[in-house]
Amino acid sequence: MTGKECYEAALALLGETSDSAGYYEKFALYHMNQVLANCRRELCALSLAAGGEAISAPPRITALEDALPAPEALARECFPYGLAALLVCDDDKLKFNWCAAEFADRLQRYCPVTLQPVEEMD
């Protein structure tokens, strides 16, 4: 999935099209990189679970035409919600809350482990 495809999927979630939402396009690359940064923990966990290296810095793209540096299923199922939430965070709190909640819920499904706080036993 490319950043552009993710952006178009995010617009569809918001009920917009590329033609009607030109305002959002200038923020799309910045927000896409923010989504990648927000998912660093999950991307690192997935990489380690697959026998890869730990991710020391959040991945980035330099253009919306670039492929997203993430597993395809994770990018398609989760990232459009995160991007949509960031695109409307100042404009529509209801859509922001819905997209952010969906993003968090879907992202949690892709983390191979769940971290729990340590509890002391008596």
Protein backbone atom coordinates (compact mmCIF):
# COMPACT_ATOMS: atom_id res chain seq x y z
CA MET A 1 0.00 0.00 0.00
CA THR A 2 1.30 3.45 -0.84
CA GLY A 3 0.79 6.63 1.14
CA LYS A 4 -1.51 7.85 -1.63
CA GLU A 5 -3.70 4.73 -1.39
CA CYS A 6 -3.86 5.14 2.38
CA TYR A 7 -4.81 8.81 1.96
CA GLU A 8 -7.60 7.89 -0.47
CA ALA A 9 -8.88 5.22 1.94
CA ALA A 10 -8.83 7.79 4.77
CA LEU A 11 -10.83 10.21 2.63
CA ALA A 12 -13.40 7.49 1.92
CA LEU A 13 -13.80 6.95 5.67
CA LEU A 14 -14.45 10.67 6.04
CA GLY A 15 -16.99 10.69 3.19
CA GLU A 16 -14.68 12.77 0.99
CA THR A 17 -13.06 12.28 -2.40
CA SER A 18 -9.75 13.50 -3.77
CA ASP A 19 -11.64 16.19 -5.67
CA SER A 20 -13.63 17.48 -2.69
CA ALA A 21 -10.89 17.30 -0.06
CA GLY A 22 -7.96 19.19 -1.56
CA TYR A 23 -7.52 20.98 1.77
CA TYR A 24 -6.39 17.77 3.49
CA GLU A 25 -3.82 16.78 0.87
CA LYS A 26 -1.21 19.29 2.04
CA PHE A 27 -1.25 17.63 5.49
CA ALA A 28 -1.38 14.01 4.31
CA LEU A 29 2.35 13.27 4.12
CA TYR A 30 3.11 14.79 7.52
CA HIS A 31 0.21 12.95 9.14
CA MET A 32 1.11 9.67 7.40
CA ASN A 33 4.58 9.88 8.94
CA GLN A 34 2.96 10.60 12.31
CA VAL A 35 0.86 7.42 11.97
CA LEU A 36 4.05 5.47 11.24
CA ALA A 37 5.72 7.00 14.28
CA ASN A 38 2.69 6.18 16.44
CA CYS A 39 2.93 2.54 15.29
CA ARG A 40 6.65 2.10 15.94
CA ARG A 41 6.08 -0.22 18.91
CA GLU A 42 3.77 -2.51 16.92
CA LEU A 43 6.03 -2.44 13.84
CA CYS A 44 9.01 -3.32 16.02
CA ALA A 45 7.13 -6.16 17.75
CA LEU A 46 5.97 -7.57 14.40
CA SER A 47 9.51 -7.37 13.02
CA LEU A 48 10.97 -9.16 16.04
CA ALA A 49 8.21 -11.81 15.96
CA ALA A 50 9.07 -12.49 12.32
CA GLY A 51 12.76 -12.93 13.21
CA GLY A 52 13.79 -9.47 12.01
CA GLU A 53 15.62 -6.60 13.61
CA ALA A 54 14.28 -4.17 16.19
CA ILE A 55 13.19 -0.84 14.73
CA SER A 56 15.27 1.86 16.40
CA ALA A 57 13.65 4.86 14.70
CA PRO A 58 10.16 5.38 13.30
CA PRO A 59 9.96 4.60 9.59
CA ARG A 60 9.19 7.50 7.25
CA ILE A 61 8.09 8.10 3.70
CA THR A 62 9.23 11.10 1.67
CA ALA A 63 6.32 11.20 -0.78
CA LEU A 64 2.76 9.89 -0.80
CA GLU A 65 3.69 7.72 -3.79
CA ASP A 66 6.12 5.74 -1.61
CA ALA A 67 5.18 2.29 -0.34
CA LEU A 68 4.41 2.25 3.36
CA PRO A 69 7.16 0.49 5.34
CA ALA A 70 4.72 -1.81 7.14
CA PRO A 71 3.07 -5.18 6.60
CA GLU A 72 0.36 -4.87 3.96
CA ALA A 73 -2.51 -6.13 6.14
CA LEU A 74 -1.60 -3.74 8.97
CA ALA A 75 -1.35 -0.81 6.56
CA ARG A 76 -4.68 -1.56 4.87
CA GLU A 77 -6.69 -2.32 7.99
CA CYS A 78 -5.32 0.22 10.47
CA PHE A 79 -3.49 3.13 8.89
CA PRO A 80 -6.45 4.75 7.05
CA TYR A 81 -8.25 5.19 10.38
CA GLY A 82 -5.22 6.77 12.02
CA LEU A 83 -4.65 9.07 9.07
CA ALA A 84 -8.33 10.04 8.90
CA ALA A 85 -8.31 10.86 12.62
CA LEU A 86 -5.30 13.13 12.25
CA LEU A 87 -6.73 14.85 9.17
CA VAL A 88 -9.91 15.92 10.99
CA CYS A 89 -8.60 16.36 14.55
CA ASP A 90 -9.21 20.13 14.49
CA ASP A 91 -12.34 20.12 12.34
CA ASP A 92 -14.68 17.36 13.49
CA LYS A 93 -14.32 15.92 16.99
CA LEU A 94 -16.99 13.25 16.42
CA LYS A 95 -15.22 11.83 13.34
CA PHE A 96 -11.87 12.20 15.08
CA ASN A 97 -13.04 10.21 18.11
CA TRP A 98 -14.56 7.46 15.96
CA CYS A 99 -11.50 7.13 13.70
CA ALA A 100 -9.06 7.28 16.61
CA ALA A 101 -10.96 4.59 18.52
CA GLU A 102 -11.12 2.34 15.44
CA PHE A 103 -7.42 2.88 14.81
CA ALA A 104 -6.47 1.96 18.39
CA ASP A 105 -8.74 -1.11 18.40
CA ARG A 106 -7.51 -2.40 15.05
CA LEU A 107 -3.86 -1.69 15.86
CA GLN A 108 -4.09 -3.68 19.08
CA ARG A 109 -5.05 -6.78 17.07
CA TYR A 110 -1.72 -6.64 15.22
CA CYS A 111 0.55 -6.47 18.24
CA PRO A 112 1.86 -9.99 18.88
CA VAL A 113 2.13 -9.38 22.62
CA THR A 114 0.16 -7.38 25.14
CA LEU A 115 2.20 -5.60 27.79
CA GLN A 116 0.72 -5.74 31.27
CA PRO A 117 1.89 -3.78 34.29
CA VAL A 118 3.80 -5.76 36.87
CA GLU A 119 1.71 -6.51 39.95
CA GLU A 120 3.32 -7.35 43.25
CA MET A 121 2.07 -10.46 44.99
CA ASP A 122 1.47 -10.55 48.73
